[in-house]
Amino acid sequence: MQSSESVLKNIIRYSGITFGAGFILLSIGSLALLAELLARVGGALLNVPQLIAALVILMVGLVFGIIFGSSAVRSSDLRRPDTVKKVSLSATAFSMMILFSAIALIVLLVSVYSSISFSFFPAGLFAQVICMMVGAILLLVAYRIFAANLTTPKLAPGILAIAAVVLIYIVPAAASQGLLGDVLGSSGTSGLGLQYATSLGLTGEFYMTTAAFMIVAVCAVLYLAPQLRTVKGLHALRIILASAAILFGIALMYSNFMGVSILAPRIGDTVRVVYSMSVTFTAIIVLGVAGIMILVAGIMSIVVSSKALAAQAQAYPRPQTYPAPEVPPPPVYAAPTQRTCPVCGAQNAVAAAYCSNCGTKL
């Protein structure tokens, strides 16, 4: 019978495989969708080279998405000795995917702004995309430093990871709510990603994903504390990371299954028009299943770590304290009144110099 730890590792492995497969399908479906659109309307875009460049750059970002998904599949087995190296590849591919997507968005914005007469310049949206680019670079640097200093953890990776999450997720969220209107422009021209999520009812999932990534980044900082690099500390960190996995699993599950519910009534007509949409639809379903598995893995990780902490507490109970024993006073001896002769055994006065019986010198 397998132990709970072994079952948990298997669930994590299958969760990683499912998530990676879903991400690969999503990236391939998006690539096929872009290729199909280019094949159909590419001739009309020849007069707008910036738009073609933006689509090509976005396709490069999607290729990194495929690499990220495949590395997620390969790094899902925690028992392999090269897991850290494969996770490093996942972090690199994820950062490059965000970076190229942001560059494509900037080129697209420049193309649209230069071809259409706007009464305003969307400086806020440009600033947000630049923040995403900087955040992707910081995330890449953070994991590089972390992977190079596994034996001697540094503070820099955690700080850089927190900054990356703020730039990629929190800044757009704050801008869309008008909290950074003076810095990043009015809310009407910023935070389009979050505004679109709000229109689909996915605001809660956006915030849960942001919170999950922030928890992981904070744990990278907490890992520096010597108290948390003990067995108990690592189990405590594992529980915190499991809570992040639960948040991410719920967000992934709800957002993708909600996408299925939106697309399902129209998928038949859509596929007849855009053939590649069927791949994207399948990817959304697979990612929703991955969300369920990640949720189960997070809950089970909390249970296993809690049991391990409880077992360790029972194995090493606190030492009991007992009152100090009473020490009896030292005995009091009376001064001798006679001296015994070592030769004949006769008793003599204490002050006698010789034995009164045999004359032996005392």
Protein backbone atom coordinates (compact mmCIF):
# COMPACT_ATOMS: atom_id res chain seq x y z
CA MET A 1 0.00 0.00 0.00
CA GLN A 2 1.40 3.39 -0.98
CA SER A 3 2.12 5.99 1.70
CA SER A 4 0.37 9.37 1.73
CA GLU A 5 3.59 11.05 0.62
CA SER A 6 3.90 8.74 -2.38
CA VAL A 7 0.27 9.28 -3.34
CA LEU A 8 0.76 13.05 -3.07
CA LYS A 9 3.80 12.95 -5.35
CA ASN A 10 1.82 10.97 -7.92
CA ILE A 11 -1.03 13.50 -7.79
CA ILE A 12 1.44 16.37 -8.22
CA ARG A 13 3.03 14.53 -11.13
CA TYR A 14 -0.27 13.94 -12.92
CA SER A 15 -1.37 17.50 -12.17
CA GLY A 16 1.79 18.81 -13.81
CA ILE A 17 1.34 16.52 -16.79
CA THR A 18 -2.30 17.58 -17.25
CA PHE A 19 -1.52 21.28 -16.82
CA GLY A 20 1.43 21.09 -19.20
CA ALA A 21 -0.59 19.18 -21.80
CA GLY A 22 -3.40 21.71 -21.55
CA PHE A 23 -1.00 24.61 -21.93
CA ILE A 24 0.62 22.97 -24.95
CA LEU A 25 -2.79 22.47 -26.56
CA LEU A 26 -3.77 26.07 -25.76
CA SER A 27 -0.57 27.43 -27.30
CA ILE A 28 -0.88 25.19 -30.37
CA GLY A 29 -4.54 26.16 -30.77
CA SER A 30 -3.65 29.86 -30.51
CA LEU A 31 -0.84 29.40 -33.03
CA ALA A 32 -3.17 27.59 -35.40
CA LEU A 33 -5.79 30.31 -34.93
CA LEU A 34 -3.27 33.06 -35.79
CA ALA A 35 -1.95 31.07 -38.76
CA GLU A 36 -5.49 30.51 -40.01
CA LEU A 37 -6.35 34.19 -39.68
CA LEU A 38 -3.12 35.19 -41.45
CA ALA A 39 -3.87 32.75 -44.26
CA ARG A 40 -7.35 34.17 -44.70
CA VAL A 41 -6.70 37.91 -44.36
CA GLY A 42 -2.93 38.09 -44.75
CA GLY A 43 -3.20 39.85 -48.11
CA ALA A 44 -5.20 42.67 -46.56
CA LEU A 45 -2.50 43.13 -43.90
CA LEU A 46 0.39 43.60 -46.34
CA ASN A 47 -0.13 47.35 -46.17
CA VAL A 48 0.25 47.25 -42.37
CA PRO A 49 3.66 45.64 -41.75
CA GLN A 50 3.60 46.58 -38.05
CA LEU A 51 0.50 44.46 -37.58
CA ILE A 52 2.11 41.47 -39.30
CA ALA A 53 5.23 41.97 -37.14
CA ALA A 54 3.07 42.02 -34.00
CA LEU A 55 1.37 38.75 -34.99
CA VAL A 56 4.72 37.09 -35.77
CA ILE A 57 6.17 38.22 -32.40
CA LEU A 58 3.06 36.92 -30.66
CA MET A 59 3.51 33.57 -32.43
CA VAL A 60 7.08 33.44 -31.08
CA GLY A 61 5.66 34.01 -27.61
CA LEU A 62 3.23 31.13 -28.17
CA VAL A 63 6.16 28.90 -29.16
CA PHE A 64 7.65 29.69 -25.74
CA GLY A 65 4.24 28.76 -24.34
CA ILE A 66 4.63 25.31 -25.91
CA ILE A 67 8.11 25.04 -24.39
CA PHE A 68 6.70 26.09 -21.01
CA GLY A 69 3.98 23.44 -21.20
CA SER A 70 6.41 20.68 -22.20
CA SER A 71 8.85 21.65 -19.43
CA ALA A 72 5.95 21.62 -16.94
CA VAL A 73 5.24 18.03 -18.00
CA ARG A 74 8.88 16.99 -17.63
CA SER A 75 9.44 18.74 -14.29
CA SER A 76 6.29 17.30 -12.69
CA ASP A 77 8.14 14.24 -11.37
CA LEU A 78 9.64 15.50 -8.08
CA ARG A 79 11.66 12.29 -7.64
CA ARG A 80 13.99 13.02 -10.56
CA PRO A 81 17.37 14.57 -9.64
CA ASP A 82 17.23 17.13 -12.47
CA THR A 83 13.92 18.65 -11.37
CA VAL A 84 15.51 22.01 -10.50
CA LYS A 85 17.05 22.25 -13.97
CA LYS A 86 13.71 21.52 -15.63
CA VAL A 87 11.87 23.99 -13.40
CA SER A 88 14.49 26.54 -14.46
CA LEU A 89 13.54 25.86 -18.08
CA SER A 90 9.86 26.34 -17.16
CA ALA A 91 10.58 29.69 -15.50
CA THR A 92 12.65 30.83 -18.49
CA ALA A 93 9.97 29.81 -21.01
CA PHE A 94 7.21 31.45 -18.95
CA SER A 95 9.16 34.71 -18.68
CA MET A 96 9.97 34.73 -22.40
CA MET A 97 6.32 34.04 -23.25
CA ILE A 98 5.20 37.08 -21.23
CA LEU A 99 8.05 39.19 -22.65
CA PHE A 100 7.29 38.43 -26.31
CA SER A 101 3.54 38.84 -25.73
CA ALA A 102 4.18 42.28 -24.22
CA ILE A 103 6.44 43.26 -27.13
CA ALA A 104 3.78 42.12 -29.60
CA LEU A 105 1.19 44.20 -27.76
CA ILE A 106 3.42 47.29 -27.92
CA VAL A 107 3.98 46.83 -31.65
CA LEU A 108 0.23 46.33 -32.11
CA LEU A 109 -0.57 49.48 -30.14
CA VAL A 110 1.95 51.50 -32.14
CA SER A 111 0.49 50.12 -35.36
CA VAL A 112 -3.07 50.93 -34.39
CA TYR A 113 -2.17 54.35 -33.00
CA SER A 114 -0.23 55.32 -36.11
CA SER A 115 -2.93 54.15 -38.53
CA ILE A 116 -5.97 55.51 -36.69
CA SER A 117 -6.41 59.06 -35.51
CA PHE A 118 -6.82 59.08 -31.72
CA SER A 119 -7.84 62.11 -29.69
CA PHE A 120 -5.60 60.86 -26.86
CA PHE A 121 -2.40 58.88 -26.47
CA PRO A 122 -2.92 55.66 -24.44
CA ALA A 123 0.11 56.29 -22.25
CA GLY A 124 -1.36 54.29 -19.39
CA LEU A 125 -1.71 51.16 -21.50
CA PHE A 126 1.83 51.55 -22.84
CA ALA A 127 3.12 51.93 -19.28
CA GLN A 128 1.34 48.77 -18.18
CA VAL A 129 2.78 46.74 -21.03
CA ILE A 130 6.26 48.03 -20.21
CA CYS A 131 5.66 47.02 -16.58
CA MET A 132 4.81 43.52 -17.81
CA MET A 133 8.06 43.40 -19.80
CA VAL A 134 10.13 44.53 -16.82
CA GLY A 135 8.29 42.05 -14.57
CA ALA A 136 9.03 39.18 -16.97
CA ILE A 137 12.73 40.09 -16.97
CA LEU A 138 12.80 40.35 -13.17
CA LEU A 139 11.11 36.94 -12.87
CA LEU A 140 13.72 35.42 -15.17
CA VAL A 141 16.61 36.94 -13.21
CA ALA A 142 15.05 35.93 -9.88
CA TYR A 143 14.91 32.24 -10.72
CA ARG A 144 18.39 32.28 -12.24
CA ILE A 145 19.79 33.62 -8.95
CA PHE A 146 17.71 31.14 -6.94
CA ALA A 147 18.85 28.13 -8.99
CA ALA A 148 22.49 29.21 -8.70
CA ASN A 149 22.33 29.50 -4.88
CA LEU A 150 20.33 26.48 -3.73
CA THR A 151 22.74 25.64 -0.90
CA THR A 152 23.07 29.25 0.28
CA PRO A 153 19.72 30.98 -0.33
CA LYS A 154 19.80 34.71 -1.10
CA LEU A 155 17.31 37.49 -0.43
CA ALA A 156 17.45 38.87 -3.97
CA PRO A 157 15.33 36.16 -5.72
CA GLY A 158 12.42 36.61 -3.35
CA ILE A 159 12.48 40.42 -3.62
CA LEU A 160 12.73 40.26 -7.42
CA ALA A 161 9.88 37.72 -7.60
CA ILE A 162 7.64 39.94 -5.47
CA ALA A 163 8.48 42.92 -7.71
CA ALA A 164 7.71 40.81 -10.80
CA VAL A 165 4.28 39.80 -9.48
CA VAL A 166 3.53 43.43 -8.65
CA LEU A 167 4.50 44.62 -12.14
CA ILE A 168 2.80 41.82 -14.08
CA TYR A 169 -0.44 41.49 -12.09
CA ILE A 170 -1.01 44.09 -9.38
CA VAL A 171 -0.13 47.21 -11.40
CA PRO A 172 -2.69 46.42 -14.16
CA ALA A 173 -5.30 45.60 -11.50
CA ALA A 174 -4.69 48.86 -9.65
CA ALA A 175 -4.67 50.85 -12.90
CA SER A 176 -7.97 49.37 -14.06
CA GLN A 177 -9.56 50.42 -10.77
CA GLY A 178 -8.28 53.98 -11.21
CA LEU A 179 -5.88 53.68 -8.25
CA LEU A 180 -2.93 54.63 -10.45
CA GLY A 181 -4.79 56.98 -12.75
CA ASP A 182 -2.38 59.89 -12.24
CA VAL A 183 0.64 57.69 -12.98
CA LEU A 184 -0.61 55.28 -15.64
CA GLY A 185 -3.35 57.26 -17.28
CA SER A 186 -7.09 57.15 -16.84
CA SER A 187 -8.83 53.88 -16.06
CA GLY A 188 -10.58 54.07 -19.41
CA THR A 189 -7.34 53.37 -21.28
CA SER A 190 -5.64 51.03 -18.83
CA GLY A 191 -6.11 47.64 -17.29
CA LEU A 192 -7.76 46.21 -20.38
CA GLY A 193 -6.90 42.66 -19.35
CA LEU A 194 -8.61 42.99 -16.00
CA GLN A 195 -11.52 44.89 -17.53
CA TYR A 196 -12.06 42.02 -19.97
CA ALA A 197 -11.87 39.56 -17.08
CA THR A 198 -14.45 41.66 -15.22
CA SER A 199 -16.79 41.54 -18.20
CA LEU A 200 -16.63 37.73 -18.09
CA GLY A 201 -17.10 37.55 -14.34
CA LEU A 202 -13.51 36.39 -13.81
CA THR A 203 -12.29 39.17 -11.51
CA GLY A 204 -12.15 36.83 -8.51
CA GLU A 205 -10.08 34.31 -10.46
CA PHE A 206 -7.67 37.05 -11.53
CA TYR A 207 -7.14 38.11 -7.92
CA MET A 208 -6.79 34.49 -6.72
CA THR A 209 -4.08 33.84 -9.32
CA THR A 210 -2.30 37.03 -8.29
CA ALA A 211 -2.51 36.04 -4.62
CA ALA A 212 -1.16 32.55 -5.40
CA PHE A 213 1.89 33.93 -7.20
CA MET A 214 2.47 36.48 -4.44
CA ILE A 215 2.38 33.73 -1.78
CA VAL A 216 5.03 31.77 -3.70
CA ALA A 217 7.21 34.88 -3.97
CA VAL A 218 6.85 35.64 -0.25
CA CYS A 219 7.77 32.04 0.60
CA ALA A 220 11.02 32.53 -1.33
CA VAL A 221 11.82 35.34 1.14
CA LEU A 222 10.66 33.38 4.21
CA TYR A 223 12.89 30.47 3.19
CA LEU A 224 15.87 32.61 4.19
CA ALA A 225 14.95 32.38 7.88
CA PRO A 226 17.07 29.64 9.55
CA GLN A 227 14.05 28.60 11.66
CA LEU A 228 12.15 27.68 8.49
CA ARG A 229 14.91 25.49 7.07
CA THR A 230 14.29 22.90 9.78
CA VAL A 231 11.96 19.94 9.31
CA LYS A 232 9.10 21.76 11.05
CA GLY A 233 9.79 24.96 9.14
CA LEU A 234 9.79 23.21 5.78
CA HIS A 235 6.47 21.54 6.57
CA ALA A 236 5.05 24.95 7.55
CA LEU A 237 6.27 26.45 4.25
CA ARG A 238 4.78 23.48 2.43
CA ILE A 239 1.38 24.23 3.98
CA ILE A 240 1.64 27.87 2.90
CA LEU A 241 2.61 26.86 -0.65
CA ALA A 242 -0.26 24.36 -0.68
CA SER A 243 -2.67 27.21 0.05
CA ALA A 244 -1.26 28.99 -3.03
CA ALA A 245 -1.83 25.81 -5.07
CA ILE A 246 -5.44 25.68 -3.84
CA LEU A 247 -6.04 29.29 -4.91
CA PHE A 248 -4.44 28.67 -8.30
CA GLY A 249 -6.37 25.43 -8.80
CA ILE A 250 -9.70 27.09 -8.02
CA ALA A 251 -8.92 30.01 -10.34
CA LEU A 252 -7.78 27.69 -13.15
CA MET A 253 -10.73 25.37 -12.74
CA TYR A 254 -13.40 28.07 -12.58
CA SER A 255 -12.04 30.30 -15.34
CA ASN A 256 -11.58 27.46 -17.82
CA PHE A 257 -14.87 25.73 -17.12
CA MET A 258 -16.58 29.10 -17.34
CA GLY A 259 -14.89 29.57 -20.70
CA VAL A 260 -16.28 26.20 -21.78
CA SER A 261 -19.78 27.22 -20.71
CA ILE A 262 -19.46 30.42 -22.76
CA LEU A 263 -18.01 28.73 -25.85
CA ALA A 264 -20.00 25.47 -25.77
CA PRO A 265 -23.26 26.84 -27.25
CA ARG A 266 -21.32 28.44 -30.11
CA ILE A 267 -18.51 25.93 -30.62
CA GLY A 268 -20.25 24.11 -33.49
CA ASP A 269 -20.80 27.24 -35.57
CA THR A 270 -17.39 28.63 -34.59
CA VAL A 271 -15.49 25.50 -35.64
CA ARG A 272 -17.19 25.56 -39.03
CA VAL A 273 -15.83 29.09 -39.50
CA VAL A 274 -12.51 28.86 -37.58
CA TYR A 275 -11.30 25.26 -37.70
CA SER A 276 -8.50 25.71 -35.17
CA MET A 277 -10.99 26.73 -32.47
CA SER A 278 -11.64 23.07 -31.64
CA VAL A 279 -8.04 22.68 -30.37
CA THR A 280 -8.40 25.73 -28.13
CA PHE A 281 -11.73 24.43 -26.80
CA THR A 282 -10.12 21.08 -25.94
CA ALA A 283 -7.22 22.87 -24.24
CA ILE A 284 -9.62 24.84 -22.04
CA ILE A 285 -11.27 21.60 -20.88
CA VAL A 286 -7.89 19.97 -20.12
CA LEU A 287 -6.75 23.02 -18.13
CA GLY A 288 -9.98 22.90 -16.13
CA VAL A 289 -9.28 19.26 -15.25
CA ALA A 290 -5.74 20.28 -14.29
CA GLY A 291 -7.24 22.88 -11.94
CA ILE A 292 -9.20 20.15 -10.16
CA MET A 293 -6.07 18.00 -9.77
CA ILE A 294 -4.02 20.95 -8.50
CA LEU A 295 -6.77 21.71 -5.98
CA VAL A 296 -6.72 18.09 -4.76
CA ALA A 297 -2.91 18.13 -4.57
CA GLY A 298 -2.96 21.32 -2.50
CA ILE A 299 -5.51 19.96 -0.03
CA MET A 300 -3.67 16.66 0.30
CA SER A 301 -0.35 18.46 0.79
CA ILE A 302 -1.84 20.37 3.73
CA VAL A 303 -3.15 17.13 5.23
CA VAL A 304 0.17 15.28 4.83
CA SER A 305 2.25 18.15 6.23
CA SER A 306 -0.15 18.65 9.15
CA LYS A 307 0.08 14.95 10.02
CA ALA A 308 3.87 15.10 9.80
CA LEU A 309 3.98 18.09 12.16
CA ALA A 310 1.64 16.34 14.61
CA ALA A 311 3.70 13.13 14.50
CA GLN A 312 6.88 15.05 15.11
CA ALA A 313 5.33 16.84 18.07
CA GLN A 314 4.33 13.47 19.58
CA ALA A 315 7.73 11.91 18.90
CA TYR A 316 9.56 14.76 20.62
CA PRO A 317 7.32 15.91 23.50
CA ARG A 318 8.31 18.83 25.63
CA PRO A 319 10.43 17.76 28.64
CA GLN A 320 8.48 17.79 31.89
CA THR A 321 9.76 19.90 34.76
CA TYR A 322 9.94 18.51 38.28
CA PRO A 323 10.54 20.36 41.59
CA ALA A 324 14.10 20.16 42.89
CA PRO A 325 14.52 17.45 45.58
CA GLU A 326 15.05 18.60 49.16
CA VAL A 327 18.67 18.21 50.26
CA PRO A 328 19.02 17.02 53.92
CA PRO A 329 21.33 19.10 56.11
CA PRO A 330 24.82 17.67 56.71
CA PRO A 331 25.17 15.55 59.89
CA VAL A 332 26.73 17.13 62.98
CA TYR A 333 29.43 15.01 64.68
CA ALA A 334 30.48 15.45 68.37
CA ALA A 335 34.14 15.98 69.16
CA PRO A 336 35.92 12.71 70.34
CA THR A 337 36.60 12.38 74.11
CA GLN A 338 38.98 9.37 74.02
CA ARG A 339 41.78 7.98 71.86
CA THR A 340 42.14 4.25 71.09
CA CYS A 341 45.57 2.64 71.23
CA PRO A 342 46.40 1.04 67.86
CA VAL A 343 48.39 -1.75 69.59
CA CYS A 344 46.36 -2.96 72.53
CA GLY A 345 43.07 -1.21 71.93
CA ALA A 346 42.97 0.46 75.36
CA GLN A 347 41.04 3.71 75.74
CA ASN A 348 43.09 6.76 76.71
CA ALA A 349 42.40 10.42 77.29
CA VAL A 350 42.41 12.67 74.25
CA ALA A 351 45.39 14.62 75.52
CA ALA A 352 47.43 11.48 76.45
CA ALA A 353 50.71 11.13 74.55
CA TYR A 354 51.29 7.46 75.46
CA CYS A 355 49.00 4.49 76.05
CA SER A 356 48.35 4.00 79.75
CA ASN A 357 48.27 0.22 79.27
CA CYS A 358 51.20 -0.66 76.97
CA GLY A 359 53.13 2.59 76.75
CA THR A 360 52.84 2.90 72.95
CA LYS A 361 53.20 6.47 71.69
CA LEU A 362 49.90 7.78 70.51
